[in-house]
N, C-alpha and C. Protein backbone atom coordinates (compact mmCIF):
# COMPACT_ATOMS: atom_id res chain seq x y z
N MET A 1 -21.03 -1.72 -17.26
CA MET A 1 -20.00 -2.67 -16.94
C MET A 1 -18.96 -1.99 -16.05
N THR A 2 -18.40 -2.75 -15.11
CA THR A 2 -17.35 -2.22 -14.25
C THR A 2 -16.14 -3.13 -14.32
N ARG A 3 -14.98 -2.56 -14.01
CA ARG A 3 -13.75 -3.32 -13.89
C ARG A 3 -13.00 -2.77 -12.70
N GLY A 4 -12.69 -3.63 -11.73
CA GLY A 4 -12.01 -3.19 -10.53
C GLY A 4 -12.84 -2.20 -9.73
N GLY A 5 -14.17 -2.30 -9.81
CA GLY A 5 -15.04 -1.40 -9.06
C GLY A 5 -15.35 -0.09 -9.77
N TRP A 6 -14.70 0.15 -10.92
CA TRP A 6 -14.92 1.40 -11.64
C TRP A 6 -15.71 1.12 -12.92
N PRO A 7 -16.63 2.02 -13.31
CA PRO A 7 -17.32 1.84 -14.59
C PRO A 7 -16.33 2.00 -15.74
N VAL A 8 -16.50 1.18 -16.77
CA VAL A 8 -15.64 1.25 -17.95
C VAL A 8 -16.34 2.11 -19.00
N PRO A 9 -15.62 3.06 -19.63
CA PRO A 9 -16.26 3.90 -20.65
C PRO A 9 -16.86 3.04 -21.75
N ASP A 10 -17.98 3.47 -22.27
CA ASP A 10 -18.65 2.81 -23.36
C ASP A 10 -17.75 2.84 -24.60
N THR A 11 -17.64 1.70 -25.29
CA THR A 11 -16.78 1.60 -26.47
C THR A 11 -17.16 2.63 -27.52
N ASP A 12 -18.46 2.85 -27.71
CA ASP A 12 -18.91 3.83 -28.70
C ASP A 12 -18.46 5.24 -28.31
N GLN A 13 -18.48 5.55 -27.03
CA GLN A 13 -18.04 6.87 -26.55
C GLN A 13 -16.56 7.07 -26.87
N VAL A 14 -15.74 6.04 -26.65
CA VAL A 14 -14.31 6.13 -26.95
C VAL A 14 -14.10 6.26 -28.46
N THR A 15 -14.84 5.48 -29.25
CA THR A 15 -14.72 5.53 -30.71
C THR A 15 -15.09 6.91 -31.24
N GLN A 16 -16.17 7.51 -30.71
CA GLN A 16 -16.59 8.84 -31.14
C GLN A 16 -15.55 9.90 -30.76
N ALA A 17 -14.99 9.78 -29.54
CA ALA A 17 -13.97 10.75 -29.12
C ALA A 17 -12.74 10.64 -30.00
N LEU A 18 -12.31 9.41 -30.31
CA LEU A 18 -11.16 9.22 -31.17
C LEU A 18 -11.41 9.81 -32.56
N ALA A 19 -12.59 9.56 -33.10
CA ALA A 19 -12.93 10.10 -34.43
C ALA A 19 -12.86 11.62 -34.45
N ARG A 20 -13.50 12.24 -33.47
CA ARG A 20 -13.56 13.70 -33.39
C ARG A 20 -12.16 14.30 -33.20
N ASN A 21 -11.40 13.74 -32.26
CA ASN A 21 -10.08 14.30 -31.93
C ASN A 21 -9.07 14.07 -33.05
N LEU A 22 -9.12 12.90 -33.69
CA LEU A 22 -8.17 12.63 -34.78
C LEU A 22 -8.38 13.62 -35.92
N LYS A 23 -9.63 13.82 -36.31
CA LYS A 23 -9.90 14.74 -37.42
C LYS A 23 -9.50 16.17 -37.06
N ARG A 24 -9.84 16.60 -35.83
CA ARG A 24 -9.49 17.97 -35.40
C ARG A 24 -7.98 18.17 -35.36
N LEU A 25 -7.26 17.22 -34.75
CA LEU A 25 -5.81 17.37 -34.62
C LEU A 25 -5.12 17.27 -35.99
N ARG A 26 -5.61 16.39 -36.85
CA ARG A 26 -5.04 16.29 -38.20
C ARG A 26 -5.20 17.61 -38.94
N THR A 27 -6.40 18.19 -38.85
CA THR A 27 -6.69 19.45 -39.53
C THR A 27 -5.85 20.59 -38.94
N GLU A 28 -5.79 20.67 -37.59
CA GLU A 28 -5.01 21.72 -36.93
C GLU A 28 -3.54 21.69 -37.35
N ARG A 29 -3.01 20.51 -37.60
CA ARG A 29 -1.60 20.37 -37.94
C ARG A 29 -1.36 20.43 -39.45
N GLY A 30 -2.43 20.63 -40.21
CA GLY A 30 -2.30 20.81 -41.65
C GLY A 30 -2.03 19.53 -42.42
N HIS A 31 -2.38 18.38 -41.87
CA HIS A 31 -2.17 17.11 -42.56
C HIS A 31 -3.38 16.75 -43.41
N THR A 32 -3.13 16.29 -44.61
CA THR A 32 -4.19 15.67 -45.40
C THR A 32 -4.31 14.22 -44.93
N LEU A 33 -5.34 13.54 -45.39
CA LEU A 33 -5.47 12.12 -45.06
C LEU A 33 -4.24 11.36 -45.55
N ASP A 34 -3.79 11.68 -46.76
CA ASP A 34 -2.64 10.99 -47.34
C ASP A 34 -1.36 11.28 -46.56
N SER A 35 -1.15 12.54 -46.16
CA SER A 35 0.10 12.85 -45.45
C SER A 35 0.12 12.22 -44.06
N LEU A 36 -1.03 12.17 -43.38
CA LEU A 36 -1.06 11.51 -42.07
C LEU A 36 -0.84 10.01 -42.23
N ALA A 37 -1.41 9.44 -43.27
CA ALA A 37 -1.22 8.01 -43.53
C ALA A 37 0.26 7.71 -43.76
N ALA A 38 0.91 8.53 -44.57
CA ALA A 38 2.33 8.32 -44.86
C ALA A 38 3.19 8.51 -43.61
N ARG A 39 2.87 9.52 -42.83
CA ARG A 39 3.65 9.83 -41.63
C ARG A 39 3.50 8.76 -40.55
N SER A 40 2.30 8.18 -40.43
CA SER A 40 2.00 7.24 -39.36
C SER A 40 2.21 5.78 -39.74
N GLY A 41 2.18 5.49 -41.04
CA GLY A 41 2.24 4.10 -41.46
C GLY A 41 0.88 3.41 -41.35
N VAL A 42 -0.17 4.18 -41.12
CA VAL A 42 -1.55 3.67 -41.06
C VAL A 42 -2.19 3.98 -42.41
N SER A 43 -2.86 3.02 -43.00
CA SER A 43 -3.42 3.24 -44.33
C SER A 43 -4.43 4.39 -44.34
N ARG A 44 -4.54 5.04 -45.49
CA ARG A 44 -5.50 6.14 -45.66
C ARG A 44 -6.91 5.64 -45.36
N GLY A 45 -7.23 4.45 -45.84
CA GLY A 45 -8.57 3.89 -45.61
C GLY A 45 -8.87 3.71 -44.13
N MET A 46 -7.86 3.28 -43.36
CA MET A 46 -8.06 3.11 -41.92
C MET A 46 -8.25 4.46 -41.24
N VAL A 47 -7.48 5.48 -41.66
CA VAL A 47 -7.64 6.82 -41.08
C VAL A 47 -9.06 7.33 -41.35
N VAL A 48 -9.55 7.12 -42.56
CA VAL A 48 -10.91 7.54 -42.91
C VAL A 48 -11.92 6.82 -42.03
N GLN A 49 -11.77 5.50 -41.86
CA GLN A 49 -12.70 4.73 -41.04
C GLN A 49 -12.69 5.21 -39.59
N ILE A 50 -11.51 5.52 -39.06
CA ILE A 50 -11.41 6.00 -37.68
C ILE A 50 -12.09 7.36 -37.55
N GLU A 51 -11.82 8.27 -38.50
CA GLU A 51 -12.42 9.61 -38.44
C GLU A 51 -13.93 9.57 -38.60
N GLN A 52 -14.45 8.54 -39.21
CA GLN A 52 -15.89 8.40 -39.38
C GLN A 52 -16.49 7.50 -38.29
N ALA A 53 -15.69 7.13 -37.31
CA ALA A 53 -16.12 6.29 -36.18
C ALA A 53 -16.74 4.98 -36.64
N ARG A 54 -16.14 4.40 -37.70
CA ARG A 54 -16.67 3.15 -38.24
C ARG A 54 -15.83 1.95 -37.84
N THR A 55 -14.79 2.16 -37.01
CA THR A 55 -13.94 1.05 -36.60
C THR A 55 -13.39 1.30 -35.21
N ASN A 56 -13.00 0.23 -34.56
CA ASN A 56 -12.34 0.28 -33.26
C ASN A 56 -10.91 -0.19 -33.49
N PRO A 57 -9.96 0.75 -33.74
CA PRO A 57 -8.61 0.36 -34.15
C PRO A 57 -7.82 -0.31 -33.02
N SER A 58 -6.77 -1.00 -33.43
CA SER A 58 -5.88 -1.64 -32.45
C SER A 58 -5.10 -0.58 -31.67
N VAL A 59 -4.54 -0.99 -30.54
CA VAL A 59 -3.70 -0.09 -29.74
C VAL A 59 -2.52 0.39 -30.58
N GLY A 60 -1.91 -0.52 -31.34
CA GLY A 60 -0.77 -0.14 -32.17
C GLY A 60 -1.11 0.96 -33.17
N THR A 61 -2.30 0.88 -33.76
CA THR A 61 -2.73 1.90 -34.72
C THR A 61 -2.91 3.24 -34.02
N VAL A 62 -3.53 3.25 -32.84
CA VAL A 62 -3.73 4.49 -32.09
C VAL A 62 -2.38 5.09 -31.69
N VAL A 63 -1.44 4.24 -31.27
CA VAL A 63 -0.10 4.72 -30.89
C VAL A 63 0.59 5.36 -32.10
N ARG A 64 0.53 4.71 -33.27
CA ARG A 64 1.19 5.27 -34.46
C ARG A 64 0.58 6.61 -34.85
N LEU A 65 -0.74 6.73 -34.76
CA LEU A 65 -1.38 8.01 -35.10
C LEU A 65 -1.01 9.09 -34.09
N ALA A 66 -1.00 8.75 -32.80
CA ALA A 66 -0.62 9.73 -31.78
C ALA A 66 0.81 10.19 -32.00
N ASP A 67 1.72 9.24 -32.26
CA ASP A 67 3.12 9.60 -32.50
C ASP A 67 3.25 10.51 -33.72
N ALA A 68 2.52 10.19 -34.79
CA ALA A 68 2.61 11.00 -36.01
C ALA A 68 2.08 12.41 -35.80
N LEU A 69 1.10 12.56 -34.91
CA LEU A 69 0.53 13.88 -34.62
C LEU A 69 1.28 14.60 -33.50
N GLY A 70 2.16 13.87 -32.80
CA GLY A 70 2.90 14.47 -31.69
C GLY A 70 2.05 14.74 -30.47
N VAL A 71 1.08 13.86 -30.21
CA VAL A 71 0.19 14.01 -29.06
C VAL A 71 0.16 12.71 -28.28
N SER A 72 -0.34 12.77 -27.06
CA SER A 72 -0.49 11.56 -26.26
C SER A 72 -1.73 10.79 -26.71
N ILE A 73 -1.73 9.52 -26.38
CA ILE A 73 -2.92 8.70 -26.64
C ILE A 73 -4.09 9.29 -25.87
N ALA A 74 -3.84 9.78 -24.67
CA ALA A 74 -4.91 10.37 -23.86
C ALA A 74 -5.59 11.52 -24.60
N ARG A 75 -4.81 12.32 -25.30
CA ARG A 75 -5.40 13.45 -26.02
C ARG A 75 -6.29 12.97 -27.17
N LEU A 76 -5.87 11.91 -27.84
CA LEU A 76 -6.69 11.37 -28.92
C LEU A 76 -8.01 10.80 -28.39
N LEU A 77 -7.98 10.26 -27.16
CA LEU A 77 -9.17 9.61 -26.61
C LEU A 77 -9.96 10.50 -25.66
N ASP A 78 -9.49 11.73 -25.42
CA ASP A 78 -10.14 12.62 -24.47
C ASP A 78 -11.55 12.98 -24.93
N TYR A 79 -12.49 12.91 -24.02
CA TYR A 79 -13.89 13.18 -24.37
C TYR A 79 -14.14 14.66 -24.59
N ALA A 80 -13.42 15.53 -23.89
CA ALA A 80 -13.61 16.98 -24.03
C ALA A 80 -12.40 17.69 -23.46
N GLU A 81 -12.14 18.89 -23.96
CA GLU A 81 -11.06 19.70 -23.40
C GLU A 81 -11.47 20.15 -22.01
N GLY A 82 -10.54 20.10 -21.07
CA GLY A 82 -10.88 20.41 -19.69
C GLY A 82 -10.24 21.69 -19.20
N PRO A 83 -10.47 22.05 -17.93
CA PRO A 83 -9.86 23.24 -17.35
C PRO A 83 -8.37 23.02 -17.11
N SER A 84 -7.65 24.06 -16.67
CA SER A 84 -6.22 23.94 -16.47
C SER A 84 -5.89 22.93 -15.38
N VAL A 85 -6.74 22.78 -14.38
CA VAL A 85 -6.60 21.70 -13.41
C VAL A 85 -7.61 20.65 -13.83
N ARG A 86 -7.10 19.50 -14.17
CA ARG A 86 -7.97 18.47 -14.73
C ARG A 86 -7.98 17.26 -13.81
N LEU A 87 -9.15 16.88 -13.36
CA LEU A 87 -9.30 15.67 -12.56
C LEU A 87 -9.81 14.57 -13.48
N VAL A 88 -9.21 13.40 -13.36
CA VAL A 88 -9.62 12.28 -14.20
C VAL A 88 -10.17 11.19 -13.29
N PRO A 89 -11.51 11.13 -13.14
CA PRO A 89 -12.10 10.09 -12.31
C PRO A 89 -11.86 8.70 -12.90
N GLY A 90 -11.97 7.71 -12.08
CA GLY A 90 -11.72 6.34 -12.52
C GLY A 90 -12.55 5.92 -13.71
N ASP A 91 -13.76 6.44 -13.83
CA ASP A 91 -14.61 6.03 -14.95
C ASP A 91 -14.19 6.66 -16.27
N ARG A 92 -13.23 7.60 -16.24
CA ARG A 92 -12.71 8.20 -17.47
C ARG A 92 -11.41 7.54 -17.91
N ALA A 93 -10.82 6.70 -17.05
CA ALA A 93 -9.62 5.96 -17.44
C ALA A 93 -10.01 5.00 -18.56
N VAL A 94 -9.14 4.86 -19.55
CA VAL A 94 -9.48 4.09 -20.74
C VAL A 94 -8.63 2.82 -20.82
N PRO A 95 -9.26 1.64 -20.68
CA PRO A 95 -8.51 0.40 -20.88
C PRO A 95 -8.20 0.23 -22.36
N LEU A 96 -6.92 0.22 -22.72
CA LEU A 96 -6.55 0.15 -24.13
C LEU A 96 -6.20 -1.25 -24.59
N TRP A 97 -5.87 -2.14 -23.67
CA TRP A 97 -5.68 -3.53 -24.07
C TRP A 97 -6.06 -4.43 -22.90
N THR A 98 -6.64 -5.56 -23.24
CA THR A 98 -7.03 -6.55 -22.25
C THR A 98 -6.83 -7.94 -22.85
N THR A 99 -6.75 -8.93 -21.97
CA THR A 99 -6.69 -10.32 -22.43
C THR A 99 -7.80 -11.09 -21.72
N PRO A 100 -8.21 -12.23 -22.26
CA PRO A 100 -9.25 -13.03 -21.61
C PRO A 100 -8.87 -13.45 -20.19
N ALA A 101 -7.56 -13.59 -19.92
CA ALA A 101 -7.12 -14.03 -18.58
C ALA A 101 -7.19 -12.91 -17.55
N GLY A 102 -7.36 -11.65 -18.00
CA GLY A 102 -7.50 -10.54 -17.05
C GLY A 102 -6.38 -9.54 -17.06
N SER A 103 -5.36 -9.71 -17.91
CA SER A 103 -4.31 -8.70 -18.03
C SER A 103 -4.88 -7.47 -18.70
N SER A 104 -4.33 -6.28 -18.38
CA SER A 104 -4.84 -5.06 -18.99
C SER A 104 -3.84 -3.92 -18.88
N GLY A 105 -4.00 -2.95 -19.77
CA GLY A 105 -3.26 -1.70 -19.73
C GLY A 105 -4.25 -0.57 -19.78
N THR A 106 -4.30 0.25 -18.73
CA THR A 106 -5.29 1.32 -18.64
C THR A 106 -4.60 2.67 -18.61
N LEU A 107 -4.98 3.53 -19.55
CA LEU A 107 -4.45 4.89 -19.59
C LEU A 107 -5.19 5.72 -18.55
N LEU A 108 -4.46 6.17 -17.52
CA LEU A 108 -5.07 6.92 -16.43
C LEU A 108 -5.21 8.40 -16.77
N ALA A 109 -4.20 8.99 -17.40
CA ALA A 109 -4.23 10.42 -17.74
C ALA A 109 -3.09 10.72 -18.69
N GLY A 110 -3.16 11.87 -19.34
CA GLY A 110 -2.09 12.30 -20.21
C GLY A 110 -2.14 13.81 -20.40
N VAL A 111 -0.98 14.39 -20.68
CA VAL A 111 -0.89 15.84 -20.90
C VAL A 111 0.06 16.09 -22.07
N GLU A 112 0.10 17.33 -22.51
CA GLU A 112 0.97 17.76 -23.61
C GLU A 112 1.92 18.84 -23.11
N ALA A 113 2.92 18.49 -22.34
CA ALA A 113 3.80 19.53 -21.82
C ALA A 113 5.21 19.02 -21.59
N PRO A 114 6.18 19.34 -22.44
CA PRO A 114 6.06 20.00 -23.73
C PRO A 114 5.65 19.03 -24.83
N GLY A 115 5.85 17.73 -24.60
CA GLY A 115 5.37 16.70 -25.53
C GLY A 115 4.40 15.81 -24.77
N PRO A 116 3.84 14.81 -25.44
CA PRO A 116 2.89 13.92 -24.77
C PRO A 116 3.52 13.23 -23.55
N LEU A 117 2.75 13.20 -22.47
CA LEU A 117 3.16 12.54 -21.22
C LEU A 117 1.96 11.75 -20.74
N GLU A 118 2.15 10.42 -20.56
CA GLU A 118 1.03 9.55 -20.24
C GLU A 118 1.30 8.78 -18.95
N LEU A 119 0.24 8.58 -18.15
CA LEU A 119 0.31 7.79 -16.92
C LEU A 119 -0.56 6.55 -17.11
N TRP A 120 0.03 5.38 -16.86
CA TRP A 120 -0.65 4.10 -17.09
C TRP A 120 -0.68 3.25 -15.83
N SER A 121 -1.68 2.39 -15.74
CA SER A 121 -1.76 1.34 -14.73
C SER A 121 -1.94 0.03 -15.48
N TRP A 122 -1.04 -0.92 -15.25
CA TRP A 122 -1.10 -2.20 -15.96
C TRP A 122 -1.24 -3.34 -14.96
N ARG A 123 -1.95 -4.38 -15.40
CA ARG A 123 -2.04 -5.64 -14.68
C ARG A 123 -1.71 -6.72 -15.69
N ILE A 124 -0.73 -7.56 -15.36
CA ILE A 124 -0.34 -8.64 -16.25
C ILE A 124 -0.43 -9.95 -15.47
N GLU A 125 -1.25 -10.84 -15.97
CA GLU A 125 -1.46 -12.13 -15.32
C GLU A 125 -0.25 -13.04 -15.55
N PRO A 126 -0.09 -14.08 -14.71
CA PRO A 126 1.05 -15.00 -14.87
C PRO A 126 1.11 -15.59 -16.28
N GLY A 127 2.32 -15.60 -16.82
CA GLY A 127 2.54 -16.17 -18.15
C GLY A 127 2.17 -15.26 -19.30
N GLU A 128 1.65 -14.08 -19.02
CA GLU A 128 1.25 -13.17 -20.09
C GLU A 128 2.24 -12.00 -20.20
N GLY A 129 2.05 -11.20 -21.23
CA GLY A 129 2.90 -10.03 -21.44
C GLY A 129 2.31 -9.15 -22.51
N HIS A 130 2.94 -8.01 -22.72
CA HIS A 130 2.49 -7.07 -23.75
C HIS A 130 3.72 -6.40 -24.34
N GLY A 131 3.84 -6.47 -25.66
CA GLY A 131 4.98 -5.89 -26.34
C GLY A 131 4.63 -4.61 -27.07
N SER A 132 5.65 -3.84 -27.40
CA SER A 132 5.45 -2.59 -28.10
C SER A 132 6.54 -2.43 -29.16
N GLU A 133 6.14 -1.85 -30.29
CA GLU A 133 7.12 -1.48 -31.29
C GLU A 133 7.92 -0.29 -30.76
N SER A 134 8.99 0.06 -31.46
CA SER A 134 9.78 1.21 -31.04
C SER A 134 8.94 2.49 -31.18
N HIS A 135 9.16 3.42 -30.25
CA HIS A 135 8.50 4.72 -30.27
C HIS A 135 9.45 5.74 -30.92
N PRO A 136 9.00 6.97 -31.16
CA PRO A 136 9.89 7.97 -31.76
C PRO A 136 11.15 8.20 -30.91
N ALA A 137 12.24 8.56 -31.58
CA ALA A 137 13.50 8.84 -30.88
C ALA A 137 13.26 9.87 -29.78
N GLY A 138 13.86 9.63 -28.62
CA GLY A 138 13.70 10.54 -27.48
C GLY A 138 12.59 10.14 -26.53
N THR A 139 11.79 9.13 -26.88
CA THR A 139 10.73 8.66 -25.99
C THR A 139 11.35 7.90 -24.82
N VAL A 140 10.87 8.21 -23.62
CA VAL A 140 11.36 7.56 -22.41
C VAL A 140 10.18 6.94 -21.68
N GLU A 141 10.38 5.73 -21.14
CA GLU A 141 9.37 5.10 -20.30
C GLU A 141 9.95 4.87 -18.91
N LEU A 142 9.13 5.16 -17.90
CA LEU A 142 9.47 4.86 -16.51
C LEU A 142 8.41 3.91 -16.00
N VAL A 143 8.83 2.85 -15.34
CA VAL A 143 7.88 1.88 -14.84
C VAL A 143 8.25 1.49 -13.41
N ARG A 144 7.24 1.51 -12.53
CA ARG A 144 7.43 1.09 -11.14
C ARG A 144 6.60 -0.17 -10.93
N VAL A 145 7.25 -1.20 -10.44
CA VAL A 145 6.56 -2.45 -10.14
C VAL A 145 5.92 -2.32 -8.77
N ASP A 146 4.58 -2.33 -8.75
CA ASP A 146 3.85 -2.20 -7.49
C ASP A 146 3.71 -3.54 -6.77
N GLU A 147 3.45 -4.61 -7.53
CA GLU A 147 3.35 -5.96 -6.99
C GLU A 147 3.85 -6.94 -8.03
N GLY A 148 4.51 -8.01 -7.57
CA GLY A 148 4.99 -9.04 -8.47
C GLY A 148 6.39 -8.75 -8.96
N GLU A 149 6.75 -9.39 -10.07
CA GLU A 149 8.08 -9.23 -10.66
C GLU A 149 7.95 -9.09 -12.17
N LEU A 150 8.53 -8.05 -12.70
CA LEU A 150 8.45 -7.74 -14.13
C LEU A 150 9.68 -8.29 -14.85
N THR A 151 9.43 -8.93 -15.99
CA THR A 151 10.51 -9.22 -16.92
C THR A 151 10.41 -8.18 -18.03
N LEU A 152 11.30 -7.22 -17.99
CA LEU A 152 11.33 -6.11 -18.95
C LEU A 152 12.34 -6.46 -20.03
N THR A 153 11.87 -6.57 -21.27
CA THR A 153 12.75 -6.89 -22.39
C THR A 153 12.89 -5.63 -23.24
N VAL A 154 14.12 -5.13 -23.33
CA VAL A 154 14.40 -3.92 -24.10
C VAL A 154 15.46 -4.26 -25.14
N ASP A 155 15.08 -4.09 -26.41
CA ASP A 155 15.99 -4.37 -27.52
C ASP A 155 16.54 -5.79 -27.43
N GLY A 156 15.68 -6.74 -27.05
CA GLY A 156 16.05 -8.15 -27.00
C GLY A 156 16.75 -8.62 -25.74
N ARG A 157 16.97 -7.72 -24.78
CA ARG A 157 17.67 -8.09 -23.55
C ARG A 157 16.71 -8.03 -22.37
N ASP A 158 16.66 -9.12 -21.56
CA ASP A 158 15.77 -9.20 -20.41
C ASP A 158 16.38 -8.55 -19.17
N HIS A 159 15.50 -7.87 -18.40
CA HIS A 159 15.88 -7.27 -17.12
C HIS A 159 14.80 -7.66 -16.12
N ILE A 160 15.19 -8.19 -14.98
CA ILE A 160 14.23 -8.56 -13.94
C ILE A 160 14.06 -7.36 -13.01
N VAL A 161 12.79 -6.92 -12.85
CA VAL A 161 12.48 -5.74 -12.04
C VAL A 161 11.55 -6.20 -10.91
N PRO A 162 12.05 -6.29 -9.67
CA PRO A 162 11.21 -6.75 -8.56
C PRO A 162 10.29 -5.65 -8.03
N ALA A 163 9.33 -6.07 -7.22
CA ALA A 163 8.38 -5.13 -6.60
C ALA A 163 9.14 -4.04 -5.85
N GLY A 164 8.63 -2.80 -5.96
CA GLY A 164 9.23 -1.66 -5.28
C GLY A 164 10.35 -1.01 -6.08
N THR A 165 10.70 -1.56 -7.22
CA THR A 165 11.79 -1.04 -8.05
C THR A 165 11.21 -0.28 -9.24
N THR A 166 11.90 0.80 -9.62
CA THR A 166 11.51 1.58 -10.79
C THR A 166 12.58 1.44 -11.85
N ALA A 167 12.17 1.22 -13.08
CA ALA A 167 13.08 1.13 -14.22
C ALA A 167 12.76 2.25 -15.19
N THR A 168 13.77 2.76 -15.85
CA THR A 168 13.58 3.76 -16.89
C THR A 168 14.43 3.36 -18.08
N PHE A 169 13.92 3.63 -19.29
CA PHE A 169 14.68 3.24 -20.48
C PHE A 169 14.24 4.06 -21.68
N ASP A 170 15.12 4.07 -22.69
CA ASP A 170 14.86 4.71 -23.96
C ASP A 170 13.93 3.78 -24.74
N ALA A 171 12.73 4.25 -25.05
CA ALA A 171 11.72 3.40 -25.70
C ALA A 171 11.72 3.52 -27.22
N ALA A 172 12.82 3.98 -27.79
CA ALA A 172 12.92 4.08 -29.24
C ALA A 172 13.35 2.75 -29.85
N VAL A 173 13.29 1.69 -29.05
CA VAL A 173 13.57 0.33 -29.51
C VAL A 173 12.39 -0.55 -29.09
N ALA A 174 12.26 -1.70 -29.73
CA ALA A 174 11.18 -2.63 -29.35
C ALA A 174 11.36 -3.05 -27.89
N HIS A 175 10.23 -3.18 -27.19
CA HIS A 175 10.29 -3.56 -25.77
C HIS A 175 9.04 -4.35 -25.39
N ARG A 176 9.15 -5.08 -24.27
CA ARG A 176 8.05 -5.95 -23.85
C ARG A 176 8.01 -6.01 -22.33
N TYR A 177 6.79 -6.02 -21.81
CA TYR A 177 6.55 -6.19 -20.39
C TYR A 177 5.98 -7.60 -20.20
N GLY A 178 6.66 -8.44 -19.41
CA GLY A 178 6.21 -9.82 -19.24
C GLY A 178 6.15 -10.23 -17.78
N ASN A 179 5.32 -11.23 -17.52
CA ASN A 179 5.17 -11.78 -16.17
C ASN A 179 5.45 -13.27 -16.22
N ALA A 180 6.67 -13.65 -15.80
CA ALA A 180 7.06 -15.06 -15.78
C ALA A 180 6.79 -15.69 -14.41
N ALA A 181 6.28 -14.90 -13.47
CA ALA A 181 6.03 -15.39 -12.11
C ALA A 181 4.67 -16.09 -12.04
N ASP A 182 4.34 -16.56 -10.84
CA ASP A 182 3.09 -17.31 -10.67
C ASP A 182 2.00 -16.48 -9.99
N ARG A 183 2.17 -15.16 -9.95
CA ARG A 183 1.12 -14.29 -9.40
C ARG A 183 1.01 -13.04 -10.25
N PRO A 184 -0.11 -12.32 -10.15
CA PRO A 184 -0.30 -11.13 -10.99
C PRO A 184 0.79 -10.08 -10.78
N LEU A 185 1.08 -9.36 -11.84
CA LEU A 185 2.04 -8.26 -11.84
C LEU A 185 1.26 -6.96 -11.98
N LEU A 186 1.47 -6.03 -11.05
CA LEU A 186 0.84 -4.71 -11.11
C LEU A 186 1.94 -3.68 -11.25
N LEU A 187 1.78 -2.79 -12.22
CA LEU A 187 2.80 -1.77 -12.41
C LEU A 187 2.17 -0.45 -12.81
N THR A 188 2.91 0.62 -12.52
CA THR A 188 2.52 1.97 -12.91
C THR A 188 3.60 2.48 -13.86
N MET A 189 3.18 3.09 -14.96
CA MET A 189 4.12 3.50 -15.99
C MET A 189 3.86 4.93 -16.43
N VAL A 190 4.94 5.63 -16.74
CA VAL A 190 4.86 6.96 -17.35
C VAL A 190 5.60 6.88 -18.69
N VAL A 191 4.97 7.40 -19.74
CA VAL A 191 5.58 7.46 -21.07
C VAL A 191 5.72 8.93 -21.45
N SER A 192 6.94 9.35 -21.77
CA SER A 192 7.20 10.72 -22.19
C SER A 192 7.70 10.70 -23.62
N VAL A 193 6.92 11.37 -24.51
CA VAL A 193 7.26 11.42 -25.93
C VAL A 193 7.73 12.85 -26.24
N PRO A 194 8.84 13.00 -26.97
CA PRO A 194 9.29 14.37 -27.27
C PRO A 194 8.28 15.11 -28.15
N PRO A 195 8.27 16.44 -28.07
CA PRO A 195 7.34 17.20 -28.92
C PRO A 195 7.64 16.96 -30.39
N LEU A 196 6.59 17.03 -31.19
CA LEU A 196 6.71 16.84 -32.62
C LEU A 196 7.44 18.02 -33.23
N THR A 197 8.43 17.73 -34.05
CA THR A 197 9.13 18.81 -34.77
C THR A 197 8.61 18.84 -36.18
N ARG A 198 8.44 20.03 -36.69
CA ARG A 198 7.88 20.17 -38.05
C ARG A 198 8.94 20.51 -39.03
């Protein structure tokens, strides 16, 4: 299957990578299943299912686990550790949310320096949007509108961001990316999460 001319990673491949990386990172950080469940707000049973590659969790669940471990979503979904210079071909980009109308959020790349840093490409169709719960304190999001007009809602307040404009905000509050216009919205986003403190 392809999307936008690029092959989309097989769902099973992503599920296996998530299972392997979650268990390894949990173990490296000294978390038991119970302590990771408590820290992330994800049930112990769900953590077990993910580590055994028996479920395809929601984006929100993956975000909560990444935040609890202090890593980027990209690191949880990475197929293998790479060299110090890492190229991420289009077929390794991971679409993390989609809608039947064609809206999507695709994780292009991520690093851990000094905390998780993620690069995203989003497409939001007219009348659609995508919301997020608050992230850990100190998380910052930068978003550049490539085409269209973004309605950015941060902590209940709307901000209109036209094409060619970049917005940055503290993402430790609930926020939403919406498209109230009559044409597709294309945006590029960077999410910076502070390093996990123990």
